[in-house]
C-alpha atoms as a PDB file:
ATOM      1  CA  UNK A   1    -218.490 124.611  -7.129  1.00  0.00           C
ATOM      2  CA  UNK A   2    -215.839 122.378  -8.703  1.00  0.00           C
ATOM      3  CA  UNK A   3    -214.309 119.820  -6.321  1.00  0.00           C
ATOM      4  CA  UNK A   4    -211.439 121.711  -4.649  1.00  0.00           C
ATOM      5  CA  UNK A   5    -208.877 119.779  -2.613  1.00  0.00           C
ATOM      6  CA  UNK A   6    -209.659 121.766   0.551  1.00  0.00           C
ATOM      7  CA  UNK A   7    -212.725 121.796   2.812  1.00  0.00           C
ATOM      8  CA  UNK A   8    -214.801 125.005   2.862  1.00  0.00           C
ATOM      9  CA  UNK A   9    -216.824 126.541   5.683  1.00  0.00           C
ATOM     10  CA  UNK A  10    -218.936 129.493   4.513  1.00  0.00           C
ATOM     11  CA  UNK A  11    -221.254 132.034   6.118  1.00  0.00           C
ATOM     12  CA  UNK A  12    -223.765 134.304   4.409  1.00  0.00           C
ATOM     13  CA  UNK A  13    -223.054 137.791   5.726  1.00  0.00           C
ATOM     14  CA  UNK A  14    -225.583 139.776   3.651  1.00  0.00           C
ATOM     15  CA  UNK A  15    -228.193 138.787   1.086  1.00  0.00           C
ATOM     16  CA  UNK A  16    -228.527 135.271  -0.259  1.00  0.00           C
ATOM     17  CA  UNK A  17    -232.321 135.010  -0.146  1.00  0.00           C
ATOM     18  CA  UNK A  18    -232.343 134.392  -3.890  1.00  0.00           C
ATOM     19  CA  UNK A  19    -229.525 131.843  -3.781  1.00  0.00           C
ATOM     20  CA  UNK A  20    -230.089 128.088  -4.020  1.00  0.00           C
ATOM     21  CA  UNK A  21    -228.487 124.882  -5.247  1.00  0.00           C
ATOM     22  CA  UNK A  22    -229.905 123.510  -8.470  1.00  0.00           C
ATOM     23  CA  UNK A  23    -230.337 120.096  -6.846  1.00  0.00           C
ATOM     24  CA  UNK A  24    -232.073 121.632  -3.787  1.00  0.00           C
ATOM     25  CA  UNK A  25    -234.294 124.423  -5.197  1.00  0.00           C
ATOM     26  CA  UNK A  26    -236.565 124.446  -2.157  1.00  0.00           C
ATOM     27  CA  UNK A  27    -233.799 125.615   0.210  1.00  0.00           C
ATOM     28  CA  UNK A  28    -232.814 129.273   0.040  1.00  0.00           C
ATOM     29  CA  UNK A  29    -229.962 131.194   1.571  1.00  0.00           C
ATOM     30  CA  UNK A  30    -230.235 134.031   4.081  1.00  0.00           C
ATOM     31  CA  UNK A  31    -227.945 136.086   6.315  1.00  0.00           C
ATOM     32  CA  UNK A  32    -226.099 133.957   8.920  1.00  0.00           C
ATOM     33  CA  UNK A  33    -226.744 130.666   7.111  1.00  0.00           C
ATOM     34  CA  UNK A  34    -223.762 128.284   7.200  1.00  0.00           C
ATOM     35  CA  UNK A  35    -222.583 125.947   4.426  1.00  0.00           C
ATOM     36  CA  UNK A  36    -220.068 123.137   4.878  1.00  0.00           C
ATOM     37  CA  UNK A  37    -218.581 121.746   1.672  1.00  0.00           C
ATOM     38  CA  UNK A  38    -216.106 118.840   1.958  1.00  0.00           C
ATOM     39  CA  UNK A  39    -213.073 118.522  -0.273  1.00  0.00           C
ATOM     40  CA  UNK A  40    -214.071 117.054  -3.626  1.00  0.00           C
ATOM     41  CA  UNK A  41    -217.646 118.365  -3.396  1.00  0.00           C
ATOM     42  CA  UNK A  42    -219.313 119.500  -6.611  1.00  0.00           C
ATOM     43  CA  UNK A  43    -222.549 121.454  -6.945  1.00  0.00           C
ATOM     44  CA  UNK A  44    -224.234 124.002  -9.195  1.00  0.00           C
ATOM     45  CA  UNK A  45    -225.778 127.171  -7.756  1.00  0.00           C
ATOM     46  CA  UNK A  46    -228.190 129.910  -8.817  1.00  0.00           C
ATOM     47  CA  UNK A  47    -227.431 133.354  -7.383  1.00  0.00           C
ATOM     48  CA  UNK A  48    -230.032 136.118  -7.652  1.00  0.00           C
ATOM     49  CA  UNK A  49    -229.366 139.553  -6.220  1.00  0.00           C
ATOM     50  CA  UNK A  50    -226.419 140.849  -4.263  1.00  0.00           C
ATOM     51  CA  UNK A  51    -224.639 138.524  -1.892  1.00  0.00           C
ATOM     52  CA  UNK A  52    -221.779 138.789   0.582  1.00  0.00           C
ATOM     53  CA  UNK A  53    -220.040 135.672   1.880  1.00  0.00           C
ATOM     54  CA  UNK A  54    -217.167 134.800   4.184  1.00  0.00           C
ATOM     55  CA  UNK A  55    -215.192 131.606   3.545  1.00  0.00           C
ATOM     56  CA  UNK A  56    -212.769 129.606   5.666  1.00  0.00           C
ATOM     57  CA  UNK A  57    -210.649 127.133   3.687  1.00  0.00           C
ATOM     58  CA  UNK A  58    -209.292 124.132   5.612  1.00  0.00           C
ATOM     59  CA  UNK A  59    -206.400 122.036   4.315  1.00  0.00           C
ATOM     60  CA  UNK A  60    -206.625 118.220   4.546  1.00  0.00           C
ATOM     61  CA  UNK A  61    -203.605 118.283   6.895  1.00  0.00           C
ATOM     62  CA  UNK A  62    -205.243 120.695   9.347  1.00  0.00           C
ATOM     63  CA  UNK A  63    -208.476 118.693   9.220  1.00  0.00           C
ATOM     64  CA  UNK A  64    -206.522 115.491   9.921  1.00  0.00           C
ATOM     65  CA  UNK A  65    -204.758 117.067  12.894  1.00  0.00           C
ATOM     66  CA  UNK A  66    -208.073 118.101  14.444  1.00  0.00           C
ATOM     67  CA  UNK A  67    -209.581 114.652  13.901  1.00  0.00           C
ATOM     68  CA  UNK A  68    -206.733 113.066  15.861  1.00  0.00           C
ATOM     69  CA  UNK A  69    -206.542 115.613  18.678  1.00  0.00           C
ATOM     70  CA  UNK A  70    -210.253 116.373  19.152  1.00  0.00           C
ATOM     71  CA  UNK A  71    -211.976 113.109  18.210  1.00  0.00           C
ATOM     72  CA  UNK A  72    -209.286 110.480  18.914  1.00  0.00           C
ATOM     73  CA  UNK A  73    -209.957 108.960  15.497  1.00  0.00           C
ATOM     74  CA  UNK A  74    -207.929 108.270  12.409  1.00  0.00           C
ATOM     75  CA  UNK A  75    -208.717 110.924   9.786  1.00  0.00           C
ATOM     76  CA  UNK A  76    -209.289 108.278   7.121  1.00  0.00           C
ATOM     77  CA  UNK A  77    -212.161 106.903   9.244  1.00  0.00           C
ATOM     78  CA  UNK A  78    -213.978 110.224   9.159  1.00  0.00           C
ATOM     79  CA  UNK A  79    -215.778 112.389   6.645  1.00  0.00           C
ATOM     80  CA  UNK A  80    -216.827 116.007   6.878  1.00  0.00           C
ATOM     81  CA  UNK A  81    -220.597 116.071   6.444  1.00  0.00           C
ATOM     82  CA  UNK A  82    -222.031 118.346   3.776  1.00  0.00           C
ATOM     83  CA  UNK A  83    -224.498 120.985   4.986  1.00  0.00           C
ATOM     84  CA  UNK A  84    -226.312 123.665   3.009  1.00  0.00           C
ATOM     85  CA  UNK A  85    -227.899 126.667   4.766  1.00  0.00           C
ATOM     86  CA  UNK A  86    -227.358 125.369   8.282  1.00  0.00           C
ATOM     87  CA  UNK A  87    -228.494 127.427  11.286  1.00  0.00           C
ATOM     88  CA  UNK A  88    -225.592 127.771  13.715  1.00  0.00           C
ATOM     89  CA  UNK A  89    -225.726 131.149  15.521  1.00  0.00           C
ATOM     90  CA  UNK A  90    -222.416 130.596  17.312  1.00  0.00           C
ATOM     91  CA  UNK A  91    -220.513 129.982  14.085  1.00  0.00           C
ATOM     92  CA  UNK A  92    -222.244 132.920  12.394  1.00  0.00           C
ATOM     93  CA  UNK A  93    -221.251 135.187  15.281  1.00  0.00           C
ATOM     94  CA  UNK A  94    -217.622 134.053  14.948  1.00  0.00           C
ATOM     95  CA  UNK A  95    -217.666 134.860  11.232  1.00  0.00           C
ATOM     96  CA  UNK A  96    -219.046 138.342  11.917  1.00  0.00           C
ATOM     97  CA  UNK A  97    -216.298 138.961  14.478  1.00  0.00           C
ATOM     98  CA  UNK A  98    -213.739 137.709  11.966  1.00  0.00           C
ATOM     99  CA  UNK A  99    -214.723 140.075   9.164  1.00  0.00           C
ATOM    100  CA  UNK A 100    -214.846 143.097  11.490  1.00  0.00           C
ATOM    101  CA  UNK A 101    -211.148 142.749  12.303  1.00  0.00           C
ATOM    102  CA  UNK A 102    -208.398 144.760  10.633  1.00  0.00           C
ATOM    103  CA  UNK A 103    -206.138 142.118   9.091  1.00  0.00           C
ATOM    104  CA  UNK A 104    -203.432 144.733   8.434  1.00  0.00           C
ATOM    105  CA  UNK A 105    -202.910 145.289  12.170  1.00  0.00           C
ATOM    106  CA  UNK A 106    -200.646 142.582  13.724  1.00  0.00           C
ATOM    107  CA  UNK A 107    -202.648 142.210  16.933  1.00  0.00           C
ATOM    108  CA  UNK A 108    -205.939 141.866  15.087  1.00  0.00           C
ATOM    109  CA  UNK A 109    -204.351 139.355  12.723  1.00  0.00           C
ATOM    110  CA  UNK A 110    -203.465 137.159  15.705  1.00  0.00           C
ATOM    111  CA  UNK A 111    -207.062 137.203  16.901  1.00  0.00           C
ATOM    112  CA  UNK A 112    -208.295 136.196  13.452  1.00  0.00           C
ATOM    113  CA  UNK A 113    -206.060 133.125  13.655  1.00  0.00           C
ATOM    114  CA  UNK A 114    -207.546 132.226  17.036  1.00  0.00           C
ATOM    115  CA  UNK A 115    -211.094 132.695  15.731  1.00  0.00           C
ATOM    116  CA  UNK A 116    -210.333 130.531  12.693  1.00  0.00           C
ATOM    117  CA  UNK A 117    -209.213 127.730  15.017  1.00  0.00           C
ATOM    118  CA  UNK A 118    -212.449 128.104  17.021  1.00  0.00           C
ATOM    119  CA  UNK A 119    -214.490 127.833  13.811  1.00  0.00           C
ATOM    120  CA  UNK A 120    -212.566 124.729  12.763  1.00  0.00           C
ATOM    121  CA  UNK A 121    -212.802 123.035  16.168  1.00  0.00           C
ATOM    122  CA  UNK A 122    -216.565 123.650  16.322  1.00  0.00           C
ATOM    123  CA  UNK A 123    -217.015 122.254  12.806  1.00  0.00           C
ATOM    124  CA  UNK A 124    -214.989 119.106  13.506  1.00  0.00           C
ATOM    125  CA  UNK A 125    -216.797 118.389  16.786  1.00  0.00           C
ATOM    126  CA  UNK A 126    -220.275 118.782  15.261  1.00  0.00           C
ATOM    127  CA  UNK A 127    -220.105 118.048  11.550  1.00  0.00           C
ATOM    128  CA  UNK A 128    -217.813 115.057  11.177  1.00  0.00           C
ATOM    129  CA  UNK A 129    -219.068 111.482  10.970  1.00  0.00           C
ATOM    130  CA  UNK A 130    -217.716 107.998  10.324  1.00  0.00           C
ATOM    131  CA  UNK A 131    -217.287 106.899   6.728  1.00  0.00           C
ATOM    132  CA  UNK A 132    -219.771 104.193   5.804  1.00  0.00           C
ATOM    133  CA  UNK A 133    -218.609 100.747   4.746  1.00  0.00           C
ATOM    134  CA  UNK A 134    -214.953 101.527   5.360  1.00  0.00           C
ATOM    135  CA  UNK A 135    -212.475  98.702   5.946  1.00  0.00           C
ATOM    136  CA  UNK A 136    -209.143 100.070   7.089  1.00  0.00           C
ATOM    137  CA  UNK A 137    -205.949  98.524   5.777  1.00  0.00           C
ATOM    138  CA  UNK A 138    -202.491  99.311   7.061  1.00  0.00           C
ATOM    139  CA  UNK A 139    -201.660 102.038   9.501  1.00  0.00           C
ATOM    140  CA  UNK A 140    -201.019 101.776  13.222  1.00  0.00           C
ATOM    141  CA  UNK A 141    -203.141  99.801  15.648  1.00  0.00           C
ATOM    142  CA  UNK A 142    -205.523 102.081  17.608  1.00  0.00           C
ATOM    143  CA  UNK A 143    -203.763 101.428  20.913  1.00  0.00           C
ATOM    144  CA  UNK A 144    -200.402 102.384  19.381  1.00  0.00           C
ATOM    145  CA  UNK A 145    -201.855 105.575  17.915  1.00  0.00           C
ATOM    146  CA  UNK A 146    -203.288 106.581  21.299  1.00  0.00           C
ATOM    147  CA  UNK A 147    -200.046 105.709  23.048  1.00  0.00           C
ATOM    148  CA  UNK A 148    -198.078 107.894  20.626  1.00  0.00           C
ATOM    149  CA  UNK A 149    -200.467 110.828  21.110  1.00  0.00           C
ATOM    150  CA  UNK A 150    -200.171 110.579  24.899  1.00  0.00           C
ATOM    151  CA  UNK A 151    -196.400 110.090  24.806  1.00  0.00           C
ATOM    152  CA  UNK A 152    -195.842 113.120  22.582  1.00  0.00           C
ATOM    153  CA  UNK A 153    -198.054 115.335  24.762  1.00  0.00           C
ATOM    154  CA  UNK A 154    -196.263 114.232  27.954  1.00  0.00           C
ATOM    155  CA  UNK A 155    -192.750 114.476  26.494  1.00  0.00           C
ATOM    156  CA  UNK A 156    -193.068 117.620  24.396  1.00  0.00           C
ATOM    157  CA  UNK A 157    -189.949 119.166  25.942  1.00  0.00           C
ATOM    158  CA  UNK A 158    -187.742 116.252  24.854  1.00  0.00           C
ATOM    159  CA  UNK A 159    -185.910 116.053  21.497  1.00  0.00           C
ATOM    160  CA  UNK A 160    -188.140 113.258  20.186  1.00  0.00           C
ATOM    161  CA  UNK A 161    -186.695 111.416  17.210  1.00  0.00           C
ATOM    162  CA  UNK A 162    -188.272 109.325  14.490  1.00  0.00           C
ATOM    163  CA  UNK A 163    -186.214 106.347  15.668  1.00  0.00           C
ATOM    164  CA  UNK A 164    -187.478 106.707  19.240  1.00  0.00           C
ATOM    165  CA  UNK A 165    -191.123 106.817  18.150  1.00  0.00           C
ATOM    166  CA  UNK A 166    -190.624 103.946  15.709  1.00  0.00           C
ATOM    167  CA  UNK A 167    -188.992 101.875  18.456  1.00  0.00           C
ATOM    168  CA  UNK A 168    -192.069 102.298  20.654  1.00  0.00           C
ATOM    169  CA  UNK A 169    -194.047 100.552  17.913  1.00  0.00           C
ATOM    170  CA  UNK A 170    -191.349  97.949  17.157  1.00  0.00           C
ATOM    171  CA  UNK A 171    -191.089  99.182  13.572  1.00  0.00           C
ATOM    172  CA  UNK A 172    -188.313 100.382  11.310  1.00  0.00           C
ATOM    173  CA  UNK A 173    -188.224 104.135  10.762  1.00  0.00           C
ATOM    174  CA  UNK A 174    -189.320 103.670   7.150  1.00  0.00           C
ATOM    175  CA  UNK A 175    -192.356 101.532   7.944  1.00  0.00           C
ATOM    176  CA  UNK A 176    -193.256 103.616  10.976  1.00  0.00           C
ATOM    177  CA  UNK A 177    -193.253 106.866   8.966  1.00  0.00           C
ATOM    178  CA  UNK A 178    -195.487 105.328   6.310  1.00  0.00           C
ATOM    179  CA  UNK A 179    -197.932 103.798   8.815  1.00  0.00           C
ATOM    180  CA  UNK A 180    -197.974 106.962  10.933  1.00  0.00           C
ATOM    181  CA  UNK A 181    -199.034 109.002   7.915  1.00  0.00           C
ATOM    182  CA  UNK A 182    -201.792 106.529   7.094  1.00  0.00           C
ATOM    183  CA  UNK A 183    -203.202 106.777  10.633  1.00  0.00           C
ATOM    184  CA  UNK A 184    -202.586 110.458  11.390  1.00  0.00           C
ATOM    185  CA  UNK A 185    -203.061 111.966   7.942  1.00  0.00           C
ATOM    186  CA  UNK A 186    -199.698 113.762   8.019  1.00  0.00           C
ATOM    187  CA  UNK A 187    -196.009 112.831   8.529  1.00  0.00           C
ATOM    188  CA  UNK A 188    -194.541 112.423  12.054  1.00  0.00           C
ATOM    189  CA  UNK A 189    -192.392 115.577  11.891  1.00  0.00           C
ATOM    190  CA  UNK A 190    -195.329 117.692  10.731  1.00  0.00           C
ATOM    191  CA  UNK A 191    -197.594 116.358  13.484  1.00  0.00           C
ATOM    192  CA  UNK A 192    -194.950 116.915  16.140  1.00  0.00           C
ATOM    193  CA  UNK A 193    -194.260 120.482  14.993  1.00  0.00           C
ATOM    194  CA  UNK A 194    -197.989 121.267  14.966  1.00  0.00           C
ATOM    195  CA  UNK A 195    -198.382 120.012  18.539  1.00  0.00           C
ATOM    196  CA  UNK A 196    -195.317 121.964  19.704  1.00  0.00           C
ATOM    197  CA  UNK A 197    -196.678 125.166  18.160  1.00  0.00           C
ATOM    198  CA  UNK A 198    -200.113 124.551  19.642  1.00  0.00           C
ATOM    199  CA  UNK A 199    -198.592 124.161  23.116  1.00  0.00           C
ATOM    200  CA  UNK A 200    -196.571 127.348  22.565  1.00  0.00           C
ATOM    201  CA  UNK A 201    -199.712 129.300  21.624  1.00  0.00           C
ATOM    202  CA  UNK A 202    -201.436 128.067  24.781  1.00  0.00           C
ATOM    203  CA  UNK A 203    -198.505 129.126  26.980  1.00  0.00           C
ATOM    204  CA  UNK A 204    -198.229 132.529  25.304  1.00  0.00           C
ATOM    205  CA  UNK A 205    -201.916 133.173  25.942  1.00  0.00           C
ATOM    206  CA  UNK A 206    -202.110 131.861  29.501  1.00  0.00           C
ATOM    207  CA  UNK A 207    -198.694 132.586  31.098  1.00  0.00           C
ATOM    208  CA  UNK A 208    -196.000 135.254  31.341  1.00  0.00           C
ATOM    209  CA  UNK A 209    -193.182 132.756  30.880  1.00  0.00           C
ATOM    210  CA  UNK A 210    -190.137 134.067  28.967  1.00  0.00           C
ATOM    211  CA  UNK A 211    -189.941 133.048  25.323  1.00  0.00           C
ATOM    212  CA  UNK A 212    -186.785 131.028  25.925  1.00  0.00           C
ATOM    213  CA  UNK A 213    -188.516 128.991  28.623  1.00  0.00           C
ATOM    214  CA  UNK A 214    -191.515 128.371  26.380  1.00  0.00           C
ATOM    215  CA  UNK A 215    -189.187 127.295  23.573  1.00  0.00           C
ATOM    216  CA  UNK A 216    -187.546 124.658  25.779  1.00  0.00           C
ATOM    217  CA  UNK A 217    -190.834 123.508  27.299  1.00  0.00           C
ATOM    218  CA  UNK A 218    -192.229 122.909  23.818  1.00  0.00           C
ATOM    219  CA  UNK A 219    -189.160 121.040  22.569  1.00  0.00           C
ATOM    220  CA  UNK A 220    -187.546 123.648  20.324  1.00  0.00           C
ATOM    221  CA  UNK A 221    -183.756 123.574  20.158  1.00  0.00           C
ATOM    222  CA  UNK A 222    -183.389 127.265  21.011  1.00  0.00           C
ATOM    223  CA  UNK A 223    -185.316 130.504  21.390  1.00  0.00           C
ATOM    224  CA  UNK A 224    -184.301 131.549  17.872  1.00  0.00           C
ATOM    225  CA  UNK A 225    -185.460 128.221  16.412  1.00  0.00           C
ATOM    226  CA  UNK A 226    -188.791 128.663  18.192  1.00  0.00           C
ATOM    227  CA  UNK A 227    -189.117 132.274  16.999  1.00  0.00           C
ATOM    228  CA  UNK A 228    -188.472 131.346  13.373  1.00  0.00           C
ATOM    229  CA  UNK A 229    -190.902 128.415  13.369  1.00  0.00           C
ATOM    230  CA  UNK A 230    -193.572 130.400  15.210  1.00  0.00           C
ATOM    231  CA  UNK A 231    -193.415 133.318  12.788  1.00  0.00           C
ATOM    232  CA  UNK A 232    -193.491 130.986   9.773  1.00  0.00           C
ATOM    233  CA  UNK A 233    -196.625 129.306  11.127  1.00  0.00           C
ATOM    234  CA  UNK A 234    -198.563 132.188  12.664  1.00  0.00           C
ATOM    235  CA  UNK A 235    -197.349 135.119  10.578  1.00  0.00           C
ATOM    236  CA  UNK A 236    -196.213 137.165  13.581  1.00  0.00           C
ATOM    237  CA  UNK A 237    -193.639 137.000  16.345  1.00  0.00           C
ATOM    238  CA  UNK A 238    -194.344 135.358  19.687  1.00  0.00           C
ATOM    239  CA  UNK A 239    -194.263 138.805  21.286  1.00  0.00           C
ATOM    240  CA  UNK A 240    -196.890 140.163  18.890  1.00  0.00           C
ATOM    241  CA  UNK A 241    -199.057 137.102  19.496  1.00  0.00           C
ATOM    242  CA  UNK A 242    -198.925 137.497  23.288  1.00  0.00           C
ATOM    243  CA  UNK A 243    -199.576 141.250  23.079  1.00  0.00           C
ATOM    244  CA  UNK A 244    -202.661 140.672  20.931  1.00  0.00           C
ATOM    245  CA  UNK A 245    -204.287 138.524  23.602  1.00  0.00           C
ATOM    246  CA  UNK A 246    -203.234 140.762  26.481  1.00  0.00           C
ATOM    247  CA  UNK A 247    -205.033 143.688  24.845  1.00  0.00           C
ATOM    248  CA  UNK A 248    -208.355 141.859  24.442  1.00  0.00           C
END
């Protein structure tokens, strides 16, 4: 396993009893065992017999977003903890549900996206710890970061600008954008779009509001702008996404 730039969450579906890491020969795999491998991790494995695995790859940007929204921490403060052959029945059950779905069918594809988010949220809440010996330099003060998070959530429907957010922190747009990225792990526009899309997914699942109303409530300029962004992100239209959850 050669130090990829993404985090990996894996589940043994079948086999694995003859599989082990060379540096941990006493621990063997088995069905439903979970492995968590942080970005940059390297290890050497011995695989004996047939094996079937499911993997979820998590980008640094998605990991950073979850650290901010779920843990109220700066991503650079945190590290995903490495685990080999962990017992986590809930995560294993999610993986089994995931692989049973037909990814070619639009409705099923929407549910796989939802399950992937559940897997990621569970991992971040239970397998992330503080980096040891870390001294932060630069970035936004914690109270400013929290204020920005709260302000964005409360004013999602407004056309928030970089200048407006920078002004709240008494910074130039240039310095604000740089410090925001240091503290949030992704640029302001990317964070804002991710939060708008997350709110839209929640409203599509829990309400019957028209798409145009959801677009405005989430801060998109128009229904067509919302539709284009949603499809780019989720891989399906808002209508297909809603229908998938209504048929559950």
